C-alpha atoms as a PDB file:
ATOM      1  CA  MET A   1     -11.311  25.878   5.224  1.00  0.00           C
ATOM      2  CA  LEU A   2      -7.940  27.647   4.439  1.00  0.00           C
ATOM      3  CA  PRO A   3      -6.816  28.428   0.953  1.00  0.00           C
ATOM      4  CA  LEU A   4      -4.172  26.105  -0.533  1.00  0.00           C
ATOM      5  CA  ALA A   5      -1.538  28.910  -0.218  1.00  0.00           C
ATOM      6  CA  GLU A   6      -2.184  29.420   3.403  1.00  0.00           C
ATOM      7  CA  LEU A   7      -2.012  25.640   4.073  1.00  0.00           C
ATOM      8  CA  HIS A   8       1.517  25.634   2.531  1.00  0.00           C
ATOM      9  CA  ALA A   9       2.452  28.501   4.341  1.00  0.00           C
ATOM     10  CA  ALA A  10       1.412  27.046   7.723  1.00  0.00           C
ATOM     11  CA  ARG A  11       3.267  23.866   6.655  1.00  0.00           C
ATOM     12  CA  LEU A  12       6.466  26.018   6.100  1.00  0.00           C
ATOM     13  CA  ASP A  13       5.854  27.793   9.447  1.00  0.00           C
ATOM     14  CA  GLY A  14       5.848  24.430  11.268  1.00  0.00           C
ATOM     15  CA  GLU A  15       2.193  24.461  12.287  1.00  0.00           C
ATOM     16  CA  LEU A  16       1.005  21.682   9.759  1.00  0.00           C
ATOM     17  CA  PHE A  17       2.600  18.718   8.148  1.00  0.00           C
ATOM     18  CA  ALA A  18       1.664  17.158   4.689  1.00  0.00           C
ATOM     19  CA  VAL A  19      -0.195  13.861   4.673  1.00  0.00           C
ATOM     20  CA  ASP A  20      -0.416  12.893   0.878  1.00  0.00           C
ATOM     21  CA  GLU A  21      -2.404  15.715  -0.602  1.00  0.00           C
ATOM     22  CA  CYS A  22      -3.891  16.744   2.842  1.00  0.00           C
ATOM     23  CA  PHE A  23      -2.447  18.559   5.966  1.00  0.00           C
ATOM     24  CA  SER A  24      -2.540  17.820   9.583  1.00  0.00           C
ATOM     25  CA  PRO A  25      -1.637  19.758  12.689  1.00  0.00           C
ATOM     26  CA  VAL A  26       1.883  18.997  13.996  1.00  0.00           C
ATOM     27  CA  ASP A  27       0.609  17.758  17.306  1.00  0.00           C
ATOM     28  CA  GLU A  28      -1.392  15.052  15.537  1.00  0.00           C
ATOM     29  CA  VAL A  29       0.481  11.646  15.464  1.00  0.00           C
ATOM     30  CA  GLU A  30       0.831  10.247  11.856  1.00  0.00           C
ATOM     31  CA  SER A  31      -0.847   6.882  11.863  1.00  0.00           C
ATOM     32  CA  LEU A  32      -2.469   4.306   9.682  1.00  0.00           C
ATOM     33  CA  TRP A  33      -5.872   6.201  10.268  1.00  0.00           C
ATOM     34  CA  LEU A  34      -4.528   9.603   9.493  1.00  0.00           C
ATOM     35  CA  ARG A  35      -2.883   8.454   6.181  1.00  0.00           C
ATOM     36  CA  ALA A  36      -6.119   6.404   5.304  1.00  0.00           C
ATOM     37  CA  GLU A  37      -8.342   9.323   5.804  1.00  0.00           C
ATOM     38  CA  ALA A  38      -6.129  11.583   3.621  1.00  0.00           C
ATOM     39  CA  LEU A  39      -6.191   8.982   0.894  1.00  0.00           C
ATOM     40  CA  ARG A  40      -9.989   8.499   1.210  1.00  0.00           C
ATOM     41  CA  ARG A  41     -10.506  12.262   0.720  1.00  0.00           C
ATOM     42  CA  SER A  42      -8.805  12.221  -2.639  1.00  0.00           C
ATOM     43  CA  ALA A  43      -9.506   8.600  -3.866  1.00  0.00           C
ATOM     44  CA  GLY A  44     -13.074   7.958  -2.421  1.00  0.00           C
ATOM     45  CA  THR A  45     -14.334   4.762  -1.224  1.00  0.00           C
ATOM     46  CA  ARG A  46     -14.722   2.682  -4.268  1.00  0.00           C
ATOM     47  CA  MET A  47     -11.105   1.924  -4.952  1.00  0.00           C
ATOM     48  CA  MET A  48      -8.903  -0.062  -2.687  1.00  0.00           C
ATOM     49  CA  ALA A  49      -5.137   0.776  -1.837  1.00  0.00           C
ATOM     50  CA  GLU A  50      -2.653  -2.047  -2.789  1.00  0.00           C
ATOM     51  CA  LEU A  51       1.027  -2.437  -3.325  1.00  0.00           C
ATOM     52  CA  SER A  52       3.050   0.698  -2.553  1.00  0.00           C
ATOM     53  CA  THR A  53       0.003   2.700  -1.277  1.00  0.00           C
ATOM     54  CA  ALA A  54      -0.821  -0.226   1.101  1.00  0.00           C
ATOM     55  CA  THR A  55       2.720  -0.264   2.357  1.00  0.00           C
ATOM     56  CA  TRP A  56       2.670   3.613   2.863  1.00  0.00           C
ATOM     57  CA  LEU A  57      -0.670   3.221   4.701  1.00  0.00           C
ATOM     58  CA  PHE A  58       0.750   0.744   7.064  1.00  0.00           C
ATOM     59  CA  GLY A  59       3.836   2.837   7.714  1.00  0.00           C
ATOM     60  CA  VAL A  60       6.293   0.567   5.953  1.00  0.00           C
ATOM     61  CA  ARG A  61       6.960   3.283   3.266  1.00  0.00           C
ATOM     62  CA  ALA A  62       7.695   6.634   4.825  1.00  0.00           C
ATOM     63  CA  ALA A  63       6.306   8.871   2.228  1.00  0.00           C
ATOM     64  CA  ALA A  64       3.160   8.526  -0.052  1.00  0.00           C
ATOM     65  CA  PRO A  65       3.984   7.270  -3.446  1.00  0.00           C
ATOM     66  CA  ARG A  66       3.796   9.993  -6.243  1.00  0.00           C
ATOM     67  CA  VAL A  67       1.350   7.576  -8.041  1.00  0.00           C
ATOM     68  CA  HIS A  68      -0.909   5.607  -5.998  1.00  0.00           C
ATOM     69  CA  THR A  69      -1.557   1.863  -6.762  1.00  0.00           C
ATOM     70  CA  MET A  70      -5.151   1.175  -6.310  1.00  0.00           C
ATOM     71  CA  CYS A  71      -7.558  -1.732  -7.158  1.00  0.00           C
ATOM     72  CA  VAL A  72     -11.210  -2.321  -7.620  1.00  0.00           C
ATOM     73  CA  PRO A  73     -12.979  -5.769  -7.500  1.00  0.00           C
ATOM     74  CA  ARG A  74     -13.222  -7.497 -10.753  1.00  0.00           C
ATOM     75  CA  SER A  75     -16.955  -8.175 -10.122  1.00  0.00           C
ATOM     76  CA  ASP A  76     -17.894  -4.553  -9.416  1.00  0.00           C
ATOM     77  CA  ARG A  77     -17.138  -3.552 -12.992  1.00  0.00           C
ATOM     78  CA  ILE A  78     -16.225  -0.057 -11.953  1.00  0.00           C
ATOM     79  CA  LYS A  79     -15.133   2.501 -14.556  1.00  0.00           C
ATOM     80  CA  VAL A  80     -12.564   4.507 -13.295  1.00  0.00           C
ATOM     81  CA  PRO A  81     -11.664   7.779 -15.187  1.00  0.00           C
ATOM     82  CA  PRO A  82      -7.913   7.885 -16.159  1.00  0.00           C
ATOM     83  CA  THR A  83      -5.774  10.189 -13.937  1.00  0.00           C
ATOM     84  CA  PRO A  84      -2.034  10.545 -13.572  1.00  0.00           C
ATOM     85  CA  ARG A  85      -2.486  10.360  -9.709  1.00  0.00           C
ATOM     86  CA  TYR A  86      -3.709   6.571  -9.629  1.00  0.00           C
ATOM     87  CA  VAL A  87      -2.886   3.343 -11.260  1.00  0.00           C
ATOM     88  CA  VAL A  88      -5.894   1.150 -11.000  1.00  0.00           C
ATOM     89  CA  ARG A  89      -6.154  -2.689 -11.521  1.00  0.00           C
ATOM     90  CA  GLU A  90      -9.175  -4.933 -11.632  1.00  0.00           C
ATOM     91  CA  VAL A  91      -8.365  -7.666  -9.117  1.00  0.00           C
ATOM     92  CA  THR A  92     -10.105 -10.593  -7.388  1.00  0.00           C
ATOM     93  CA  HIS A  93      -9.559 -10.789  -3.670  1.00  0.00           C
ATOM     94  CA  ASP A  94     -10.400 -13.518  -0.972  1.00  0.00           C
ATOM     95  CA  PRO A  95     -12.601 -11.916   1.780  1.00  0.00           C
ATOM     96  CA  ASP A  96      -9.598 -11.947   4.259  1.00  0.00           C
ATOM     97  CA  ASP A  97      -7.437 -10.028   1.735  1.00  0.00           C
ATOM     98  CA  VAL A  98      -8.958  -6.531   2.354  1.00  0.00           C
ATOM     99  CA  ALA A  99      -9.450  -4.637   5.462  1.00  0.00           C
ATOM    100  CA  ARG A 100     -11.476  -1.321   5.634  1.00  0.00           C
ATOM    101  CA  VAL A 101      -9.826   1.647   7.420  1.00  0.00           C
ATOM    102  CA  CYS A 102     -11.560   4.997   7.649  1.00  0.00           C
ATOM    103  CA  GLY A 103     -13.974   3.905   4.782  1.00  0.00           C
ATOM    104  CA  ILE A 104     -11.256   2.766   2.245  1.00  0.00           C
ATOM    105  CA  GLY A 105     -10.285  -0.644   1.620  1.00  0.00           C
ATOM    106  CA  VAL A 106      -6.689  -1.631   1.849  1.00  0.00           C
ATOM    107  CA  THR A 107      -5.109  -5.023   1.195  1.00  0.00           C
ATOM    108  CA  VAL A 108      -3.742  -6.587   4.378  1.00  0.00           C
ATOM    109  CA  PRO A 109       0.015  -6.994   4.822  1.00  0.00           C
ATOM    110  CA  ALA A 110      -0.102 -10.717   3.756  1.00  0.00           C
ATOM    111  CA  ARG A 111      -1.953  -9.868   0.521  1.00  0.00           C
ATOM    112  CA  THR A 112       0.246  -6.949  -0.141  1.00  0.00           C
ATOM    113  CA  LEU A 113       3.325  -9.112   0.097  1.00  0.00           C
ATOM    114  CA  PHE A 114       1.708 -11.569  -2.218  1.00  0.00           C
ATOM    115  CA  ASP A 115       0.967  -8.858  -4.923  1.00  0.00           C
ATOM    116  CA  LEU A 116       4.451  -7.511  -4.495  1.00  0.00           C
ATOM    117  CA  ALA A 117       5.914 -10.956  -5.219  1.00  0.00           C
ATOM    118  CA  LEU A 118       3.930 -11.292  -8.444  1.00  0.00           C
ATOM    119  CA  THR A 119       4.447  -7.637  -9.833  1.00  0.00           C
ATOM    120  CA  LYS A 120       7.356  -5.743 -11.180  1.00  0.00           C
ATOM    121  CA  THR A 121       6.746  -2.200  -9.660  1.00  0.00           C
ATOM    122  CA  GLU A 122       9.159   0.480  -8.727  1.00  0.00           C
ATOM    123  CA  GLY A 123      10.386   0.151  -5.108  1.00  0.00           C
ATOM    124  CA  ARG A 124       8.760  -3.328  -4.656  1.00  0.00           C
ATOM    125  CA  ASP A 125      11.950  -4.736  -3.167  1.00  0.00           C
ATOM    126  CA  ASP A 126      12.097  -2.146  -0.561  1.00  0.00           C
ATOM    127  CA  ASP A 127       8.520  -2.407   0.138  1.00  0.00           C
ATOM    128  CA  ALA A 128       8.468  -6.166   0.423  1.00  0.00           C
ATOM    129  CA  LEU A 129      11.574  -5.986   2.742  1.00  0.00           C
ATOM    130  CA  GLY A 130       9.805  -3.497   4.929  1.00  0.00           C
ATOM    131  CA  VAL A 131       6.795  -5.736   5.289  1.00  0.00           C
ATOM    132  CA  LEU A 132       8.910  -8.650   6.316  1.00  0.00           C
ATOM    133  CA  VAL A 133      10.943  -6.760   8.733  1.00  0.00           C
ATOM    134  CA  ARG A 134       7.749  -5.770  10.441  1.00  0.00           C
ATOM    135  CA  TRP A 135       5.868  -9.041   9.922  1.00  0.00           C
ATOM    136  CA  PRO A 136       8.410 -11.765   9.392  1.00  0.00           C
ATOM    137  CA  GLU A 137       5.903 -14.539   9.779  1.00  0.00           C
ATOM    138  CA  LEU A 138       4.169 -13.557   6.552  1.00  0.00           C
ATOM    139  CA  ALA A 139       7.042 -15.045   4.285  1.00  0.00           C
ATOM    140  CA  GLU A 140       6.146 -18.716   4.893  1.00  0.00           C
ATOM    141  CA  GLY A 141       2.274 -18.153   4.239  1.00  0.00           C
ATOM    142  CA  CYS A 142       3.045 -16.000   1.174  1.00  0.00           C
ATOM    143  CA  ALA A 143       5.367 -18.763  -0.383  1.00  0.00           C
ATOM    144  CA  ARG A 144       2.534 -21.417   0.506  1.00  0.00           C
ATOM    145  CA  ARG A 145      -0.052 -19.284  -1.329  1.00  0.00           C
ATOM    146  CA  ILE A 146       2.170 -18.875  -4.416  1.00  0.00           C
ATOM    147  CA  GLU A 147       2.969 -22.605  -4.599  1.00  0.00           C
ATOM    148  CA  ALA A 148      -0.878 -23.426  -4.147  1.00  0.00           C
ATOM    149  CA  ALA A 149      -1.867 -21.188  -6.897  1.00  0.00           C
ATOM    150  CA  ARG A 150      -2.623 -22.993 -10.275  1.00  0.00           C
ATOM    151  CA  ASN A 151      -1.712 -21.385 -13.564  1.00  0.00           C
ATOM    152  CA  LEU A 152       0.006 -18.465 -11.869  1.00  0.00           C
ATOM    153  CA  PRO A 153       2.342 -16.402 -14.152  1.00  0.00           C
ATOM    154  CA  GLY A 154       5.720 -15.672 -12.710  1.00  0.00           C
ATOM    155  CA  LYS A 155       5.339 -18.363  -9.997  1.00  0.00           C
ATOM    156  CA  ILE A 156       8.992 -19.301  -9.937  1.00  0.00           C
ATOM    157  CA  ASP A 157      10.289 -15.608  -9.893  1.00  0.00           C
ATOM    158  CA  ALA A 158       7.746 -14.745  -7.189  1.00  0.00           C
ATOM    159  CA  LEU A 159       8.956 -17.677  -5.064  1.00  0.00           C
ATOM    160  CA  ARG A 160      12.539 -16.639  -5.450  1.00  0.00           C
ATOM    161  CA  SER A 161      11.812 -13.066  -4.653  1.00  0.00           C
ATOM    162  CA  VAL A 162       9.856 -14.092  -1.466  1.00  0.00           C
ATOM    163  CA  GLY A 163      12.940 -16.205  -0.411  1.00  0.00           C
ATOM    164  CA  ARG A 164      15.446 -13.414  -1.137  1.00  0.00           C
ATOM    165  CA  TRP A 165      13.352 -10.904   0.871  1.00  0.00           C
ATOM    166  CA  GLU A 166      13.132 -13.224   3.713  1.00  0.00           C
ATOM    167  CA  ARG A 167      16.916 -13.682   3.904  1.00  0.00           C
ATOM    168  CA  MET A 168      17.329  -9.981   3.725  1.00  0.00           C
ATOM    169  CA  ALA A 169      14.833  -9.257   6.320  1.00  0.00           C
ATOM    170  CA  ALA A 170      16.481 -11.729   8.646  1.00  0.00           C
ATOM    171  CA  VAL A 171      19.760 -10.016   8.184  1.00  0.00           C
ATOM    172  CA  SER A 172      18.351  -6.422   8.813  1.00  0.00           C
ATOM    173  CA  ARG A 173      16.412  -7.617  12.007  1.00  0.00           C
ATOM    174  CA  ARG A 174      19.908  -8.795  13.594  1.00  0.00           C
END
């Protein structure tokens, strides 16, 4: 293993590129698996990627977020020590909401869009638009899921956001 200074020097020389906090040879194709492996090395396997971190893993967001958005299952009662590198929420997911990639959980694009509609995070409009440009069929299912949810705070705003993102994505696909 090379010291950090040598890794950065190799990156500056064009031999490596940064993948979040890790490095990869330039002949390696950046992919979901490469990004997930880099995240797993720093975050471990108990937390799951969501929101902006999930969009980065799926290649919707070009660069890793400065602060990763992660979640843990509410039922696991995991105590995560505070760190400036991660924001961690306790969440309840349906079984189909999370996929495992390289040992780390990541919310699937449909759940990621649903979560983006219900949160007010930095860059959420760009992330949601990127998801819908890639997977336009998710808008209708997301709106149905929001409508079906009972006692959901911010439901009307979430539905408006999904409709706005769907219109913007349709325009950008033309």
